[in-house]
PDB file of N, CA and C in Angstrom:
ATOM      1  N   MET A   1      92.538  93.175  99.716  1.00  0.00           N
ATOM      2  CA  MET A   1      91.349  93.122  98.868  1.00  0.00           C
ATOM      3  C   MET A   1      90.614  94.455  98.894  1.00  0.00           C
ATOM      4  N   LYS A   2      90.704  95.126 100.020  1.00  0.00           N
ATOM      5  CA  LYS A   2      90.006  96.410 100.126  1.00  0.00           C
ATOM      6  C   LYS A   2      90.597  97.428  99.144  1.00  0.00           C
ATOM      7  N   GLU A   3      91.905  97.377  98.985  1.00  0.00           N
ATOM      8  CA  GLU A   3      92.531  98.337  98.060  1.00  0.00           C
ATOM      9  C   GLU A   3      92.002  98.109  96.645  1.00  0.00           C
ATOM     10  N   ASN A   4      91.915  96.850  96.251  1.00  0.00           N
ATOM     11  CA  ASN A   4      91.407  96.536  94.919  1.00  0.00           C
ATOM     12  C   ASN A   4      89.960  96.989  94.787  1.00  0.00           C
ATOM     13  N   ASP A   5      89.193  96.762  95.814  1.00  0.00           N
ATOM     14  CA  ASP A   5      87.778  97.165  95.785  1.00  0.00           C
ATOM     15  C   ASP A   5      87.659  98.664  95.549  1.00  0.00           C
ATOM     16  N   LEU A   6      88.523  99.412  96.211  1.00  0.00           N
ATOM     17  CA  LEU A   6      88.460 100.872  96.074  1.00  0.00           C
ATOM     18  C   LEU A   6      88.798 101.268  94.645  1.00  0.00           C
ATOM     19  N   LYS A   7      89.813 100.622  94.076  1.00  0.00           N
ATOM     20  CA  LYS A   7      90.217 100.982  92.721  1.00  0.00           C
ATOM     21  C   LYS A   7      89.132 100.584  91.721  1.00  0.00           C
ATOM     22  N   LEU A   8      88.472  99.468  92.013  1.00  0.00           N
ATOM     23  CA  LEU A   8      87.431  98.998  91.093  1.00  0.00           C
ATOM     24  C   LEU A   8      86.138  99.780  91.291  1.00  0.00           C
ATOM     25  N   ALA A   9      85.830 100.061  92.538  1.00  0.00           N
ATOM     26  CA  ALA A   9      84.581 100.787  92.829  1.00  0.00           C
ATOM     27  C   ALA A   9      84.803 101.785  93.962  1.00  0.00           C
ATOM     28  N   PRO A  10      85.167 103.008  93.633  1.00  0.00           N
ATOM     29  CA  PRO A  10      85.394 104.047  94.653  1.00  0.00           C
ATOM     30  C   PRO A  10      84.136 104.318  95.465  1.00  0.00           C
ATOM     31  N   GLU A  11      83.005 103.964  94.912  1.00  0.00           N
ATOM     32  CA  GLU A  11      81.743 104.203  95.631  1.00  0.00           C
ATOM     33  C   GLU A  11      81.671 103.327  96.881  1.00  0.00           C
ATOM     34  N   LYS A  12      82.375 102.202  96.834  1.00  0.00           N
ATOM     35  CA  LYS A  12      82.346 101.296  98.002  1.00  0.00           C
ATOM     36  C   LYS A  12      82.966 101.975  99.209  1.00  0.00           C
ATOM     37  N   THR A  13      83.797 102.964  98.969  1.00  0.00           N
ATOM     38  CA  THR A  13      84.426 103.674 100.092  1.00  0.00           C
ATOM     39  C   THR A  13      83.354 104.217 101.031  1.00  0.00           C
ATOM     40  N   GLU A  14      82.283 104.720 100.468  1.00  0.00           N
ATOM     41  CA  GLU A  14      81.200 105.278 101.305  1.00  0.00           C
ATOM     42  C   GLU A  14      80.613 104.186 102.201  1.00  0.00           C
ATOM     43  N   VAL A  15      80.432 103.018 101.653  1.00  0.00           N
ATOM     44  CA  VAL A  15      79.875 101.905 102.439  1.00  0.00           C
ATOM     45  C   VAL A  15      80.806 101.578 103.596  1.00  0.00           C
ATOM     46  N   ILE A  16      82.094 101.547 103.313  1.00  0.00           N
ATOM     47  CA  ILE A  16      83.078 101.250 104.363  1.00  0.00           C
ATOM     48  C   ILE A  16      83.013 102.321 105.444  1.00  0.00           C
ATOM     49  N   ILE A  17      82.870 103.561 105.034  1.00  0.00           N
ATOM     50  CA  ILE A  17      82.812 104.667 106.003  1.00  0.00           C
ATOM     51  C   ILE A  17      81.626 104.446 106.935  1.00  0.00           C
ATOM     52  N   LEU A  18      80.508 104.067 106.369  1.00  0.00           N
ATOM     53  CA  LEU A  18      79.319 103.841 107.198  1.00  0.00           C
ATOM     54  C   LEU A  18      79.546 102.641 108.113  1.00  0.00           C
ATOM     55  N   SER A  19      80.280 101.672 107.621  1.00  0.00           N
ATOM     56  CA  SER A  19      80.547 100.466 108.412  1.00  0.00           C
ATOM     57  C   SER A  19      81.471 100.799 109.586  1.00  0.00           C
ATOM     58  N   GLY A  20      82.502 101.572 109.303  1.00  0.00           N
ATOM     59  CA  GLY A  20      83.441 101.929 110.381  1.00  0.00           C
ATOM     60  C   GLY A  20      84.267 103.131 109.994  1.00  0.00           C
ATOM     61  N   ARG A  21      84.227 104.172 110.810  1.00  0.00           N
ATOM     62  CA  ARG A  21      84.968 105.386 110.476  1.00  0.00           C
ATOM     63  C   ARG A  21      86.468 105.135 110.549  1.00  0.00           C
ATOM     64  N   GLN A  22      86.897 104.230 111.396  1.00  0.00           N
ATOM     65  CA  GLN A  22      88.330 103.943 111.506  1.00  0.00           C
ATOM     66  C   GLN A  22      88.866 103.474 110.164  1.00  0.00           C
ATOM     67  N   LYS A  23      88.098 102.642 109.497  1.00  0.00           N
ATOM     68  CA  LYS A  23      88.528 102.133 108.197  1.00  0.00           C
ATOM     69  C   LYS A  23      88.637 103.285 107.200  1.00  0.00           C
ATOM     70  N   LEU A  24      87.746 104.235 107.313  1.00  0.00           N
ATOM     71  CA  LEU A  24      87.753 105.389 106.405  1.00  0.00           C
ATOM     72  C   LEU A  24      89.109 106.069 106.451  1.00  0.00           C
ATOM     73  N   THR A  25      89.628 106.252 107.649  1.00  0.00           N
ATOM     74  CA  THR A  25      90.939 106.896 107.776  1.00  0.00           C
ATOM     75  C   THR A  25      91.985 106.064 107.052  1.00  0.00           C
ATOM     76  N   TRP A  26      91.965 104.764 107.263  1.00  0.00           N
ATOM     77  CA  TRP A  26      92.957 103.893 106.633  1.00  0.00           C
ATOM     78  C   TRP A  26      92.826 103.973 105.108  1.00  0.00           C
ATOM     79  N   LEU A  27      91.596 103.938 104.634  1.00  0.00           N
ATOM     80  CA  LEU A  27      91.378 104.004 103.191  1.00  0.00           C
ATOM     81  C   LEU A  27      91.757 105.377 102.658  1.00  0.00           C
ATOM     82  N   ALA A  28      91.436 106.400 103.408  1.00  0.00           N
ATOM     83  CA  ALA A  28      91.740 107.763 102.970  1.00  0.00           C
ATOM     84  C   ALA A  28      93.243 107.917 102.782  1.00  0.00           C
ATOM     85  N   VAL A  29      94.009 107.376 103.698  1.00  0.00           N
ATOM     86  CA  VAL A  29      95.471 107.491 103.608  1.00  0.00           C
ATOM     87  C   VAL A  29      95.976 106.740 102.388  1.00  0.00           C
ATOM     88  N   LYS A  30      95.387 105.571 102.122  1.00  0.00           N
ATOM     89  CA  LYS A  30      95.831 104.763 100.974  1.00  0.00           C
ATOM     90  C   LYS A  30      95.305 105.380  99.675  1.00  0.00           C
ATOM     91  N   ASP A  31      94.102 105.903  99.735  1.00  0.00           N
ATOM     92  CA  ASP A  31      93.489 106.476  98.537  1.00  0.00           C
ATOM     93  C   ASP A  31      93.771 107.972  98.437  1.00  0.00           C
ATOM     94  N   ASP A  32      94.571 108.473  99.369  1.00  0.00           N
ATOM     95  CA  ASP A  32      94.857 109.912  99.378  1.00  0.00           C
ATOM     96  C   ASP A  32      95.481 110.328  98.050  1.00  0.00           C
ATOM     97  N   ASN A  33      96.306 109.442  97.474  1.00  0.00           N
ATOM     98  CA  ASN A  33      96.974 109.760  96.212  1.00  0.00           C
ATOM     99  C   ASN A  33      95.997 109.680  95.045  1.00  0.00           C
ATOM    100  N   SER A  34      94.999 108.847  95.176  1.00  0.00           N
ATOM    101  CA  SER A  34      94.049 108.649  94.079  1.00  0.00           C
ATOM    102  C   SER A  34      92.891 109.637  94.180  1.00  0.00           C
ATOM    103  N   GLU A  35      92.119 109.491  95.238  1.00  0.00           N
ATOM    104  CA  GLU A  35      90.933 110.359  95.397  1.00  0.00           C
ATOM    105  C   GLU A  35      90.606 110.553  96.872  1.00  0.00           C
ATOM    106  N   PRO A  36      91.103 111.598  97.476  1.00  0.00           N
ATOM    107  CA  PRO A  36      90.830 111.859  98.904  1.00  0.00           C
ATOM    108  C   PRO A  36      89.344 112.095  99.157  1.00  0.00           C
ATOM    109  N   LYS A  37      88.649 111.061  99.587  1.00  0.00           N
ATOM    110  CA  LYS A  37      87.200 111.211  99.829  1.00  0.00           C
ATOM    111  C   LYS A  37      86.923 111.189 101.323  1.00  0.00           C
ATOM    112  N   CYS A  38      87.822 111.750 102.088  1.00  0.00           N
ATOM    113  CA  CYS A  38      87.678 111.679 103.556  1.00  0.00           C
ATOM    114  C   CYS A  38      86.968 112.944 104.040  1.00  0.00           C
ATOM    115  N   ASN A  39      87.072 113.302 105.325  1.00  0.00           N
ATOM    116  CA  ASN A  39      86.345 114.487 105.823  1.00  0.00           C
ATOM    117  C   ASN A  39      86.679 115.652 104.912  1.00  0.00           C
TER     118      ASN A  39
END
């Protein structure tokens, strides 16, 4: 569901980052092809 959320609302990625940096890495790797919004 997180992958869909990112595709629907990339802004949610920031919320996830604030919630947990570990998740940011996971999302960054998955979203690396779409929009690398990591460090």
